[in-house]
Amino acid sequence: MKSLSLLAVVVSVAVAAAAAAKAPSTADERKRLTGTWRGKMAHEPEPSMELVITPTTISGRSLHDGESLGVGTYDVDPVKKTLDAHGIKDPVSGKTYLGIYSLEGDTLKWCSNSGSNKRPKDLSVSPTGSHFLMILQRQK
């Protein structure tokens, strides 16, 4: 009976260690996000924005008129798939945008709230405007 309990503990530890080994670190995920991204809001017909993501900041500009969309820092959790931006320069200075994301190859989908304190539950467009979905392609 003791050997079965010991075996269960060993298996549990091995499973937990394997799961931890597969989870990317925050630093690794920041590296994966780093780059220039062009895209649009999900409801738009063509690309309208460019984001430049560094390991510590996100800056954006409109592709239509070159106007700044703001600059901010960000927190990313690769396990929970959360991406939260914190505005540091106008027009988003002082605002926090709670979001979720998926990163598959050169496609980044980022769904963020519209300034409320509620995180979106899925990568979708909100009919009420409570959150928005950006679909971005890495530029090479």
Protein backbone atom coordinates (compact mmCIF):
# COMPACT_ATOMS: atom_id res chain seq x y z
CA MET A 1 0.00 0.00 0.00
CA LYS A 2 2.87 2.37 0.85
CA SER A 3 4.49 1.66 -2.51
CA LEU A 4 1.25 2.64 -4.32
CA SER A 5 1.13 5.94 -2.41
CA LEU A 6 4.78 6.60 -3.20
CA LEU A 7 4.15 5.77 -6.87
CA ALA A 8 1.22 8.20 -6.97
CA VAL A 9 3.40 10.97 -5.50
CA VAL A 10 6.21 10.26 -7.99
CA VAL A 11 3.79 10.28 -10.95
CA SER A 12 2.19 13.54 -9.74
CA VAL A 13 5.56 15.24 -9.41
CA ALA A 14 6.64 14.00 -12.85
CA VAL A 15 3.43 15.27 -14.48
CA ALA A 16 3.78 18.68 -12.78
CA ALA A 17 7.44 18.93 -13.81
CA ALA A 18 6.61 18.06 -17.43
CA ALA A 19 3.85 20.70 -17.52
CA ALA A 20 6.21 23.32 -16.07
CA ALA A 21 8.90 22.42 -18.62
CA LYS A 22 6.46 22.97 -21.53
CA ALA A 23 5.20 26.36 -20.31
CA PRO A 24 7.14 29.23 -21.91
CA SER A 25 8.72 31.75 -19.58
CA THR A 26 7.60 35.37 -19.57
CA ALA A 27 10.99 36.39 -21.02
CA ASP A 28 10.63 33.85 -23.84
CA GLU A 29 7.13 35.08 -24.62
CA ARG A 30 8.30 38.70 -24.71
CA LYS A 31 10.92 37.63 -27.28
CA ARG A 32 8.23 35.90 -29.35
CA LEU A 33 6.09 39.07 -29.27
CA THR A 34 8.97 41.40 -30.17
CA GLY A 35 8.70 42.87 -33.66
CA THR A 36 6.66 45.07 -35.96
CA TRP A 37 3.05 44.02 -36.45
CA ARG A 38 0.52 45.35 -38.96
CA GLY A 39 -3.15 44.66 -38.85
CA LYS A 40 -6.65 45.76 -38.19
CA MET A 41 -9.59 45.56 -35.90
CA ALA A 42 -11.52 42.38 -36.68
CA HIS A 43 -14.44 44.33 -38.20
CA GLU A 44 -12.27 46.43 -40.56
CA PRO A 45 -11.75 45.49 -44.21
CA GLU A 46 -8.04 46.37 -44.42
CA PRO A 47 -5.00 46.99 -42.19
CA SER A 48 -5.28 50.21 -40.22
CA MET A 49 -2.52 50.06 -37.59
CA GLU A 50 1.07 49.21 -36.93
CA LEU A 51 2.36 48.13 -33.52
CA VAL A 52 6.00 47.91 -32.54
CA ILE A 53 6.52 45.58 -29.62
CA THR A 54 9.84 45.49 -27.77
CA PRO A 55 10.59 43.32 -24.76
CA THR A 56 9.24 46.13 -22.53
CA THR A 57 6.97 48.45 -24.55
CA ILE A 58 4.23 48.62 -27.17
CA SER A 59 3.82 51.63 -29.44
CA GLY A 60 1.24 52.07 -32.13
CA ARG A 61 0.48 54.30 -35.07
CA SER A 62 -2.34 54.67 -37.56
CA LEU A 63 -1.54 53.51 -41.10
CA HIS A 64 -4.08 56.02 -42.44
CA ASP A 65 -2.58 59.25 -41.09
CA GLY A 66 0.56 58.25 -39.14
CA GLU A 67 -0.93 59.51 -35.87
CA SER A 68 0.30 57.90 -32.67
CA LEU A 69 -2.04 55.40 -31.08
CA GLY A 70 0.01 55.70 -27.89
CA VAL A 71 2.91 54.09 -26.08
CA GLY A 72 2.78 51.79 -23.11
CA THR A 73 4.41 49.06 -21.11
CA TYR A 74 2.88 45.62 -20.87
CA ASP A 75 2.57 42.51 -18.76
CA VAL A 76 2.29 39.12 -20.41
CA ASP A 77 1.44 35.75 -18.89
CA PRO A 78 2.15 32.96 -21.38
CA VAL A 79 0.35 30.36 -19.27
CA LYS A 80 -2.91 32.28 -18.80
CA LYS A 81 -2.50 33.95 -22.24
CA THR A 82 -3.07 37.43 -20.82
CA LEU A 83 -1.58 40.60 -22.30
CA ASP A 84 -2.21 43.83 -20.36
CA ALA A 85 -1.08 47.22 -21.67
CA HIS A 86 -0.41 50.24 -19.45
CA GLY A 87 -0.42 53.57 -21.28
CA ILE A 88 2.52 55.89 -20.59
CA LYS A 89 2.15 58.44 -23.45
CA ASP A 90 -0.89 60.13 -24.93
CA PRO A 91 -3.47 59.36 -26.09
CA VAL A 92 -3.50 56.35 -23.71
CA SER A 93 -1.47 57.78 -20.82
CA GLY A 94 -2.70 56.46 -17.48
CA LYS A 95 -5.05 53.88 -18.99
CA THR A 96 -4.81 50.13 -18.51
CA TYR A 97 -6.17 47.69 -21.07
CA LEU A 98 -6.70 44.13 -19.83
CA GLY A 99 -6.46 41.57 -22.60
CA ILE A 100 -6.01 38.01 -23.79
CA TYR A 101 -4.08 36.85 -26.83
CA SER A 102 -3.04 34.04 -29.09
CA LEU A 103 0.25 33.90 -30.98
CA GLU A 104 0.43 31.32 -33.76
CA GLY A 105 3.35 31.66 -36.14
CA ASP A 106 3.30 35.21 -37.50
CA THR A 107 -0.29 35.96 -36.44
CA LEU A 108 -1.07 37.76 -33.20
CA LYS A 109 -4.68 38.04 -32.07
CA TRP A 110 -5.12 40.40 -29.14
CA CYS A 111 -8.48 41.07 -27.56
CA SER A 112 -8.49 43.95 -25.09
CA ASN A 113 -11.09 45.73 -23.02
CA SER A 114 -12.09 49.28 -23.91
CA GLY A 115 -10.83 50.81 -20.69
CA SER A 116 -13.14 48.96 -18.30
CA ASN A 117 -11.68 46.74 -15.61
CA LYS A 118 -13.10 43.53 -17.10
CA ARG A 119 -10.88 41.19 -19.07
CA PRO A 120 -12.42 39.72 -22.26
CA LYS A 121 -13.31 36.05 -21.91
CA ASP A 122 -12.51 35.04 -25.49
CA LEU A 123 -10.98 36.30 -28.72
CA SER A 124 -14.11 37.85 -30.19
CA VAL A 125 -15.66 41.15 -31.20
CA SER A 126 -18.01 42.67 -28.65
CA PRO A 127 -21.36 43.87 -29.98
CA THR A 128 -21.54 46.30 -27.03
CA GLY A 129 -18.06 47.75 -27.57
CA SER A 130 -16.79 46.52 -24.20
CA HIS A 131 -13.74 45.00 -25.89
CA PHE A 132 -12.07 44.92 -29.28
CA LEU A 133 -10.14 42.32 -31.26
CA MET A 134 -6.97 43.14 -33.21
CA ILE A 135 -5.63 40.72 -35.81
CA LEU A 136 -1.99 41.44 -36.59
CA GLN A 137 0.65 39.97 -38.91
CA ARG A 138 4.38 40.08 -38.13
CA GLN A 139 6.33 42.17 -40.64
CA LYS A 140 9.59 40.68 -41.89
